[in-house]
Protein backbone atom coordinates (compact mmCIF):
# COMPACT_ATOMS: atom_id res chain seq x y z
CA MET A 1 -52.51 50.28 158.26
CA THR A 2 -51.49 52.35 155.19
CA THR A 3 -53.25 55.23 154.24
CA ILE A 4 -54.56 56.57 150.41
CA ASP A 5 -51.00 59.51 151.84
CA ASP A 6 -48.54 56.18 151.51
CA LEU A 7 -49.19 55.76 147.99
CA GLN A 8 -47.24 57.43 145.03
CA VAL A 9 -50.76 57.82 143.10
CA GLY A 10 -50.49 60.15 139.79
CA GLY A 11 -50.25 59.07 136.10
CA ARG A 12 -51.74 55.30 138.44
CA ARG A 13 -54.73 53.81 137.72
CA VAL A 14 -55.89 52.97 141.04
CA ILE A 15 -59.38 50.57 141.80
CA VAL A 16 -61.15 50.66 144.61
CA ARG A 17 -63.74 48.91 146.08
CA SER A 18 -66.31 51.53 146.94
CA ASP A 19 -69.53 50.73 148.65
CA LEU A 20 -72.32 52.37 146.48
CA ASN A 21 -75.29 49.54 146.92
CA VAL A 22 -77.94 51.97 147.20
CA PRO A 23 -81.69 51.81 146.65
CA LEU A 24 -83.20 52.17 143.90
CA ASP A 25 -87.13 52.89 143.09
CA ARG A 26 -87.61 51.43 139.32
CA SER A 27 -91.17 51.77 139.40
CA GLY A 28 -91.07 54.53 136.32
CA ASP A 29 -89.03 54.62 133.61
CA THR A 30 -86.30 55.06 134.89
CA PRO A 31 -84.50 54.09 138.22
CA ARG A 32 -84.00 56.49 140.53
CA ILE A 33 -81.46 56.34 144.19
CA THR A 34 -84.28 57.51 147.07
CA ASP A 35 -80.92 57.64 149.73
CA ASP A 36 -77.53 58.84 147.69
CA GLY A 37 -75.90 58.35 151.37
CA ARG A 38 -72.88 55.75 150.31
CA VAL A 39 -72.36 57.22 147.33
CA ARG A 40 -71.59 60.49 149.77
CA ALA A 41 -69.83 58.92 151.76
CA SER A 42 -67.65 57.09 149.21
CA VAL A 43 -67.06 60.59 147.50
CA PRO A 44 -63.94 61.83 149.94
CA THR A 45 -61.26 59.48 148.54
CA ILE A 46 -62.12 59.37 145.30
CA ARG A 47 -61.41 62.61 145.16
CA ALA A 48 -58.69 62.50 146.76
CA LEU A 49 -56.91 60.43 144.49
CA LEU A 50 -57.88 62.44 141.77
CA ASP A 51 -57.12 65.87 142.91
CA ARG A 52 -53.68 63.94 142.78
CA GLY A 53 -53.17 62.90 138.95
CA ALA A 54 -54.65 59.40 140.14
CA ARG A 55 -56.71 57.85 136.78
CA VAL A 56 -59.74 55.94 139.46
CA VAL A 57 -61.32 52.88 138.16
CA VAL A 58 -64.39 52.62 141.04
CA SER A 59 -65.83 49.75 141.97
CA SER A 60 -68.60 48.43 144.11
CA HIS A 61 -71.80 45.16 144.12
CA LEU A 62 -75.53 46.33 144.01
CA GLY A 63 -78.72 44.25 145.48
CA ARG A 64 -78.11 40.96 144.74
CA PRO A 65 -78.41 39.55 141.18
CA ARG A 66 -76.57 36.05 142.05
CA GLY A 67 -73.36 36.15 139.03
CA THR A 68 -75.88 37.18 135.92
CA PRO A 69 -76.19 40.41 134.22
CA ASP A 70 -79.99 41.52 134.82
CA PRO A 71 -79.88 45.91 134.62
CA ALA A 72 -83.22 45.57 137.34
CA TYR A 73 -79.48 45.68 139.44
CA SER A 74 -76.93 48.24 137.01
CA LEU A 75 -74.99 50.76 138.04
CA ALA A 76 -75.82 53.41 135.37
CA PRO A 77 -78.26 55.53 138.19
CA VAL A 78 -75.52 55.78 140.31
CA ALA A 79 -72.57 56.64 137.60
CA GLY A 80 -74.46 59.82 137.61
CA ARG A 81 -75.00 60.91 140.49
CA LEU A 82 -71.13 60.54 140.70
CA ALA A 83 -71.02 62.49 138.02
CA GLN A 84 -72.61 65.08 139.79
CA LEU A 85 -70.81 64.64 142.51
CA LEU A 86 -67.63 65.47 141.92
CA GLY A 87 -68.36 67.61 139.47
CA GLN A 88 -66.90 66.03 136.63
CA PRO A 89 -67.40 62.74 134.10
CA VAL A 90 -67.33 59.86 135.03
CA ALA A 91 -67.10 56.50 132.06
CA PHE A 92 -69.64 53.88 133.27
CA THR A 93 -67.64 50.63 131.33
CA GLY A 94 -71.37 48.66 131.77
CA ASP A 95 -72.20 46.85 128.49
CA GLY A 96 -74.82 44.52 129.67
CA THR A 97 -72.18 41.31 129.36
CA GLY A 98 -71.35 41.18 132.94
CA ASP A 99 -67.63 40.34 132.09
CA ILE A 100 -66.63 43.71 134.60
CA ALA A 101 -63.21 43.36 133.35
CA GLY A 102 -63.43 42.09 129.95
CA THR A 103 -62.34 44.13 126.67
CA HIS A 104 -64.97 46.74 126.86
CA ALA A 105 -64.24 48.40 130.64
CA GLN A 106 -60.41 47.92 129.38
CA LYS A 107 -60.35 50.31 127.05
CA ILE A 108 -62.99 52.43 128.54
CA VAL A 109 -59.68 52.11 131.14
CA ALA A 110 -56.78 52.00 129.13
CA GLY A 111 -58.07 55.32 127.87
CA LEU A 112 -58.60 57.32 131.26
CA GLY A 113 -55.88 59.56 131.78
CA ASP A 114 -55.04 61.81 134.97
CA GLY A 115 -57.55 62.60 137.32
CA GLU A 116 -60.51 60.61 134.84
CA ILE A 117 -62.18 58.31 136.74
CA ALA A 118 -64.57 55.30 135.18
CA LEU A 119 -67.02 53.08 137.03
CA LEU A 120 -67.38 49.05 136.37
CA ASP A 121 -70.96 47.99 136.34
CA ASN A 122 -72.25 45.48 139.36
CA LEU A 123 -69.57 43.25 140.86
CA ARG A 124 -71.81 40.41 141.36
CA PHE A 125 -72.32 40.64 137.36
CA HIS A 126 -69.94 37.41 137.53
CA PRO A 127 -70.50 35.03 139.09
CA GLY A 128 -66.66 35.02 140.49
CA GLU A 129 -67.62 37.53 142.44
CA THR A 130 -68.99 35.71 146.12
CA SER A 131 -68.43 32.41 144.43
CA LYS A 132 -67.29 29.84 147.97
CA ASP A 133 -64.15 28.16 145.23
CA ALA A 134 -61.85 30.30 145.63
CA ALA A 135 -60.23 29.02 142.27
CA VAL A 136 -63.53 31.30 140.48
CA ARG A 137 -63.47 33.89 143.45
CA ALA A 138 -59.03 34.55 142.55
CA ALA A 139 -59.67 33.61 137.81
CA PHE A 140 -62.06 37.66 138.82
CA ALA A 141 -59.59 38.49 141.32
CA ASP A 142 -56.61 38.19 138.89
CA GLN A 143 -59.23 39.73 136.29
CA LEU A 144 -59.72 42.78 137.96
CA ALA A 145 -56.49 43.80 138.88
CA GLY A 146 -55.38 43.08 135.45
CA LEU A 147 -57.25 47.32 135.15
CA ALA A 148 -55.01 48.98 138.03
CA ASP A 149 -51.92 49.31 139.96
CA TYR A 150 -52.89 49.73 143.53
CA TYR A 151 -56.11 48.60 145.28
CA VAL A 152 -57.55 51.07 147.72
CA GLY A 153 -61.35 49.38 150.03
CA ASP A 154 -63.52 51.39 151.01
CA ALA A 155 -66.24 49.77 150.71
CA PHE A 156 -66.58 49.73 154.71
CA GLY A 157 -70.46 47.80 154.59
CA ALA A 158 -68.58 44.79 152.39
CA VAL A 159 -64.86 44.35 155.05
CA HIS A 160 -67.45 42.10 156.00
CA ARG A 161 -67.60 39.55 153.08
CA ALA A 162 -65.33 37.27 151.81
CA HIS A 163 -65.66 38.33 148.02
CA ALA A 164 -63.08 38.36 145.20
CA SER A 165 -63.13 42.05 145.40
CA VAL A 166 -62.39 42.47 149.53
CA VAL A 167 -60.35 40.02 150.14
CA ASP A 168 -58.61 38.20 146.75
CA LEU A 169 -58.44 41.89 144.89
CA PRO A 170 -56.39 43.31 147.62
CA GLU A 171 -53.55 40.03 147.72
CA ARG A 172 -52.83 40.66 144.05
CA LEU A 173 -52.05 44.37 143.70
CA PRO A 174 -50.10 47.08 147.15
CA HIS A 175 -52.98 47.76 148.48
CA VAL A 176 -54.62 50.81 151.37
CA ALA A 177 -57.43 51.86 153.64
CA GLY A 178 -59.82 54.09 151.78
CA GLN A 179 -60.62 57.62 153.99
CA LEU A 180 -64.35 56.14 154.78
CA VAL A 181 -63.11 52.67 155.57
CA LEU A 182 -60.20 54.14 158.41
CA ARG A 183 -62.69 56.59 160.18
CA GLU A 184 -65.35 53.96 160.60
CA LEU A 185 -62.71 51.82 162.25
CA GLU A 186 -61.39 55.33 164.04
CA VAL A 187 -64.85 55.16 165.81
CA LEU A 188 -65.56 51.80 166.07
CA ARG A 189 -62.30 50.98 168.16
CA THR A 190 -63.82 54.23 170.53
CA LEU A 191 -67.18 51.59 171.09
CA ALA A 192 -65.22 48.70 171.51
CA SER A 193 -62.46 49.51 173.35
CA GLY A 194 -62.86 52.81 175.94
CA PRO A 195 -66.93 54.52 176.09
CA ALA A 196 -67.33 57.12 177.44
CA ARG A 197 -69.90 55.79 180.08
CA PRO A 198 -73.16 56.19 180.22
CA TYR A 199 -72.30 54.29 177.35
CA VAL A 200 -76.37 52.95 176.62
CA VAL A 201 -77.22 50.59 172.30
CA VAL A 202 -80.72 50.91 171.27
CA LEU A 203 -81.00 48.68 169.30
CA GLY A 204 -84.36 47.71 166.95
CA GLY A 205 -84.98 46.15 163.86
CA SER A 206 -87.25 42.93 162.44
CA LYS A 207 -85.06 39.89 164.66
CA VAL A 208 -82.92 38.97 167.34
CA SER A 209 -81.43 36.38 165.50
CA ASP A 210 -79.65 38.90 163.66
CA LYS A 211 -78.44 40.28 166.92
CA LEU A 212 -77.45 38.14 169.75
CA GLY A 213 -74.14 37.13 168.28
CA VAL A 214 -73.93 41.51 169.94
CA ILE A 215 -75.30 41.62 171.98
CA ARG A 216 -74.15 39.06 173.99
CA ALA A 217 -70.66 40.58 173.40
CA LEU A 218 -72.48 44.08 174.20
CA LEU A 219 -74.94 43.05 177.29
CA PRO A 220 -71.84 43.50 179.93
CA LYS A 221 -70.10 46.28 178.55
CA VAL A 222 -72.73 48.59 179.24
CA ASP A 223 -74.96 50.41 181.58
CA ALA A 224 -78.36 50.04 179.25
CA LEU A 225 -79.75 48.02 175.94
CA LEU A 226 -82.87 49.15 174.83
CA ILE A 227 -84.56 47.70 172.73
CA GLY A 228 -87.52 47.96 169.88
CA GLY A 229 -88.63 46.96 166.47
CA GLY A 230 -89.51 43.23 165.94
CA MET A 231 -87.16 42.28 167.94
CA CYS A 232 -88.79 43.45 171.22
CA PHE A 233 -91.53 41.28 170.85
CA THR A 234 -89.52 38.37 171.32
CA PHE A 235 -87.79 39.60 175.15
CA LEU A 236 -91.82 40.35 175.52
CA ALA A 237 -93.15 36.75 175.36
CA ALA A 238 -89.91 35.95 177.06
CA LYS A 239 -91.46 37.84 180.27
CA GLY A 240 -95.12 35.98 179.98
CA HIS A 241 -96.70 38.44 177.91
CA GLY A 242 -98.94 37.83 175.10
CA VAL A 243 -97.63 39.48 171.45
CA GLY A 244 -100.99 39.11 169.38
CA GLY A 245 -99.91 38.45 165.72
CA SER A 246 -96.86 40.34 166.25
CA LEU A 247 -93.38 39.61 164.46
CA LEU A 248 -91.91 36.53 167.24
CA GLU A 249 -89.01 33.60 167.38
CA ALA A 250 -90.70 31.69 169.10
CA GLU A 251 -87.22 29.18 169.66
CA LEU A 252 -84.95 31.88 170.52
CA ILE A 253 -88.02 32.59 173.74
CA ASP A 254 -85.12 30.51 176.46
CA THR A 255 -82.37 32.45 174.49
CA THR A 256 -83.92 35.87 175.73
CA LYS A 257 -84.52 35.06 178.87
CA GLU A 258 -81.42 33.91 179.83
CA LEU A 259 -79.88 37.73 178.65
CA LEU A 260 -83.17 39.10 181.17
CA ALA A 261 -81.74 37.48 183.69
CA GLU A 262 -78.56 37.98 182.84
CA GLY A 263 -78.63 41.73 182.51
CA GLY A 264 -81.55 42.48 184.74
CA ASP A 265 -82.58 45.97 184.71
CA ARG A 266 -80.44 47.47 182.17
CA ILE A 267 -82.38 45.62 179.72
CA VAL A 268 -85.13 48.01 179.01
CA LEU A 269 -87.86 47.51 176.51
CA PRO A 270 -91.21 49.47 175.35
CA THR A 271 -94.02 49.14 177.75
CA ASP A 272 -96.94 50.68 175.39
CA VAL A 273 -96.85 49.42 171.80
CA VAL A 274 -98.20 50.88 168.27
CA VAL A 275 -100.93 48.19 167.55
CA ALA A 276 -102.36 47.66 163.42
CA ASP A 277 -104.34 44.43 161.61
CA GLU A 278 -101.84 44.32 158.88
CA ILE A 279 -98.51 47.06 157.74
CA SER A 280 -100.69 49.59 156.02
CA VAL A 281 -100.57 52.90 155.54
CA ASP A 282 -104.09 53.39 155.68
CA ALA A 283 -104.68 50.65 158.12
CA PRO A 284 -106.35 51.65 161.53
CA THR A 285 -104.07 51.99 164.73
CA ALA A 286 -104.25 52.16 168.37
CA VAL A 287 -101.76 52.05 171.56
CA VAL A 288 -101.41 49.53 173.64
CA ALA A 289 -99.98 48.24 176.67
CA ALA A 290 -96.62 45.94 176.00
CA GLY A 291 -97.63 43.33 178.48
CA ALA A 292 -102.10 43.47 176.56
CA ILE A 293 -101.65 43.47 172.31
CA PRO A 294 -104.91 41.68 171.27
CA ALA A 295 -104.89 38.38 169.41
CA GLY A 296 -104.38 38.47 165.91
CA ARG A 297 -102.78 42.69 166.09
CA LYS A 298 -99.59 43.13 164.94
CA GLY A 299 -96.89 45.49 167.70
CA LEU A 300 -95.46 46.99 164.36
CA ASP A 301 -94.06 51.03 166.30
CA ILE A 302 -92.63 50.93 169.46
CA GLY A 303 -95.32 53.45 171.61
CA PRO A 304 -95.20 57.23 173.24
CA ALA A 305 -94.37 56.31 176.78
CA SER A 306 -91.99 54.09 176.11
CA VAL A 307 -90.32 56.85 173.09
CA ALA A 308 -90.29 59.29 176.79
CA LEU A 309 -88.52 55.83 178.65
CA PHE A 310 -85.72 55.26 176.29
CA ALA A 311 -85.11 59.04 176.20
CA ASP A 312 -84.96 59.82 179.79
CA ARG A 313 -82.48 56.50 179.76
CA LEU A 314 -79.86 58.69 176.73
CA ARG A 315 -80.26 61.51 178.27
CA THR A 316 -77.60 61.12 180.63
CA ALA A 317 -75.72 59.14 178.40
CA ARG A 318 -72.40 60.75 177.09
CA THR A 319 -72.26 57.97 174.55
CA VAL A 320 -74.65 55.67 172.29
CA PHE A 321 -74.39 53.57 170.10
CA TRP A 322 -77.92 52.69 167.87
CA ASN A 323 -78.68 49.48 164.83
CA GLY A 324 -82.44 49.14 163.62
CA PRO A 325 -85.93 51.19 163.71
CA MET A 326 -87.90 50.88 166.70
CA GLY A 327 -90.51 50.10 164.04
CA VAL A 328 -92.29 50.28 160.15
CA PHE A 329 -90.77 53.47 159.28
CA GLU A 330 -91.56 54.18 155.97
CA LEU A 331 -95.03 54.36 156.70
CA PRO A 332 -96.33 57.69 158.65
CA PRO A 333 -98.84 55.64 161.12
CA PHE A 334 -95.80 53.52 162.37
CA ALA A 335 -92.53 56.28 162.70
CA ALA A 336 -92.70 58.48 165.20
CA GLY A 337 -91.19 55.44 167.34
CA THR A 338 -87.63 56.26 165.52
CA ARG A 339 -87.76 59.12 164.80
CA GLY A 340 -88.31 60.04 168.80
CA VAL A 341 -85.85 57.81 169.22
CA ALA A 342 -83.56 59.37 166.43
CA GLU A 343 -84.29 63.23 167.59
CA THR A 344 -83.33 62.53 172.09
CA ILE A 345 -80.58 60.71 170.41
CA ALA A 346 -79.51 63.61 167.50
CA GLY A 347 -79.96 65.63 170.52
CA LEU A 348 -77.04 64.77 172.82
CA ASP A 349 -73.74 66.13 173.40
CA GLY A 350 -70.91 63.09 173.36
CA LEU A 351 -70.10 60.13 170.60
CA THR A 352 -73.28 59.56 168.91
CA VAL A 353 -73.26 56.37 166.57
CA VAL A 354 -75.72 55.46 163.75
CA GLY A 355 -75.09 51.82 163.13
CA GLY A 356 -76.05 52.28 159.44
CA GLY A 357 -78.25 49.63 157.15
CA ASP A 358 -81.80 50.24 158.19
CA SER A 359 -81.31 53.58 160.74
CA ALA A 360 -79.12 55.33 158.75
CA ALA A 361 -81.78 55.35 156.04
CA ALA A 362 -84.26 56.75 158.90
CA VAL A 363 -82.38 58.94 159.55
CA ARG A 364 -82.78 60.06 155.98
CA THR A 365 -85.91 59.59 155.25
CA LEU A 366 -87.06 61.59 158.47
CA GLY A 367 -85.02 64.68 157.71
CA ILE A 368 -83.61 63.97 160.85
CA GLY A 369 -79.86 66.12 159.71
CA GLU A 370 -77.48 64.17 159.30
CA GLU A 371 -74.53 65.97 161.09
CA ALA A 372 -76.90 66.38 163.99
CA PHE A 373 -74.86 62.58 165.05
CA THR A 374 -71.65 62.59 165.11
CA HIS A 375 -71.06 59.36 162.76
CA ILE A 376 -73.43 57.31 160.42
CA SER A 377 -71.74 54.03 159.41
CA THR A 378 -72.47 52.80 155.95
CA GLY A 379 -72.26 48.88 157.42
CA GLY A 380 -74.72 47.62 159.51
CA GLY A 381 -73.50 44.23 158.92
CA ALA A 382 -70.01 44.86 159.39
CA SER A 383 -70.88 47.03 162.15
CA LEU A 384 -72.28 45.03 164.14
CA GLU A 385 -69.54 41.89 163.42
CA TYR A 386 -66.73 43.87 164.22
CA LEU A 387 -68.71 45.01 167.38
CA GLU A 388 -69.29 41.87 168.12
CA GLY A 389 -65.19 40.56 168.31
CA LYS A 390 -65.15 39.05 164.66
CA THR A 391 -62.25 38.88 162.41
CA LEU A 392 -64.47 41.28 159.04
CA PRO A 393 -62.06 39.44 156.04
CA GLY A 394 -62.26 42.92 153.85
CA LEU A 395 -60.08 44.31 157.03
CA ALA A 396 -57.51 41.85 157.79
CA ALA A 397 -56.59 41.89 153.92
CA LEU A 398 -56.41 45.35 153.94
CA ASP A 399 -54.27 44.90 157.18
CA ASP A 400 -50.91 42.95 156.70
CA ARG A 401 -47.77 44.84 154.65
CA ARG A 402 -46.75 48.48 153.98
CA PRO A 403 -47.30 48.92 150.35
CA ARG A 404 -44.69 49.13 147.82
CA ASP A 405 -43.50 48.76 144.52
CA ASP A 406 -41.69 45.74 143.80
CA VAL A 407 -41.98 42.24 142.96
CA SER A 408 -42.73 41.22 146.48
CA PHE A 409 -47.19 41.44 145.40
CA THR A 410 -48.55 39.48 143.86
CA ARG A 411 -49.41 41.29 139.81
CA PRO A 412 -51.23 39.80 136.83
CA GLU A 413 -49.22 38.97 134.06
CA ALA A 414 -51.77 40.49 131.72
CA ARG A 415 -52.30 43.98 131.52
CA LEU A 416 -53.33 46.12 130.14
CA PRO A 417 -52.83 48.34 126.49
CA GLY A 418 -50.44 51.38 128.28
CA SER A 419 -50.05 49.67 131.23
CA GLU A 420 -46.08 51.40 132.10
CA VAL A 421 -46.01 48.64 135.55
């Protein structure tokens, strides 16, 4: 897979597919970014291109606006934060129309000088970004390709999606992988092929169904699989325990029985849980044995004995992959389990990988230093699918040929005013 170092970008327009899909607090007059981790992770590639004189056009999605403009999902707040991190202005092309690569954006991009940057508005404002119709996606990709001379894929969190900006656009331009994608691949290849042992995987989150594929793929490879979060209750039910009003996927009980039989003592479940009547910051809580959850009460975090058990299994690990919180970490009464596991992992030597998504958000929300981990992924879903062994379409699109400046690439006929290529 080739890199930005393989491109002569000075004076050229480079469209960078970043992942700026950040959480926003919309309770005030102006939306506020509550976790800028993905924006910060995108800066190194963008900065490297700007420093080499590229005219950078950044593109990203935000949320799921369903192919139509929605002010609640505008990337305008991200443009401001990106400008702060880069220390220079970021021209924002959003005009509220959803015509992402239309006349307004073309004019702004055409006016960029060397080392200057523009940010397109939310790609998902255009129905062509996520369309299942290949011709509709292709038409949108043609418009995007008309903005640039080169394509840089740096949105690891989107590479498992067959979307126009991820798959169809790199078919139309000389293309390379960005620094973020290359770092993610370096770490995941180590996990997939030759992790130092003991290799311990910690999985949490809401549902077994979301992680069934990766559990099946990893179980033969790990020394221990620690399971917390809402998904643990289906495993507990498979062992014959009542789970009260806890999250339960009853249709997967037989499947989890099979996994427990295959994994034996390598699968480690909580021994106690924190329960409450409702998910509320004010709800009275209690710690009960995992096999004695009262009827009607919900398990919302792993308990202190479980944290100690998980910590004991983690202490000797030389490789750890963690994906998914141990409970409803956003609320203080149910955050101790996630904090305890995260702090244990943070204190380990060896390779420690936080698998994106809510796990990465938990690290930052709970104030645990990011530098304590070897790597914090920007793509939870993409990480899981990679480890599951799936082909990720966005990676396949970047890995097909060396970038060249000749006509072997499909190029759109319509070019921006002032384009030299």
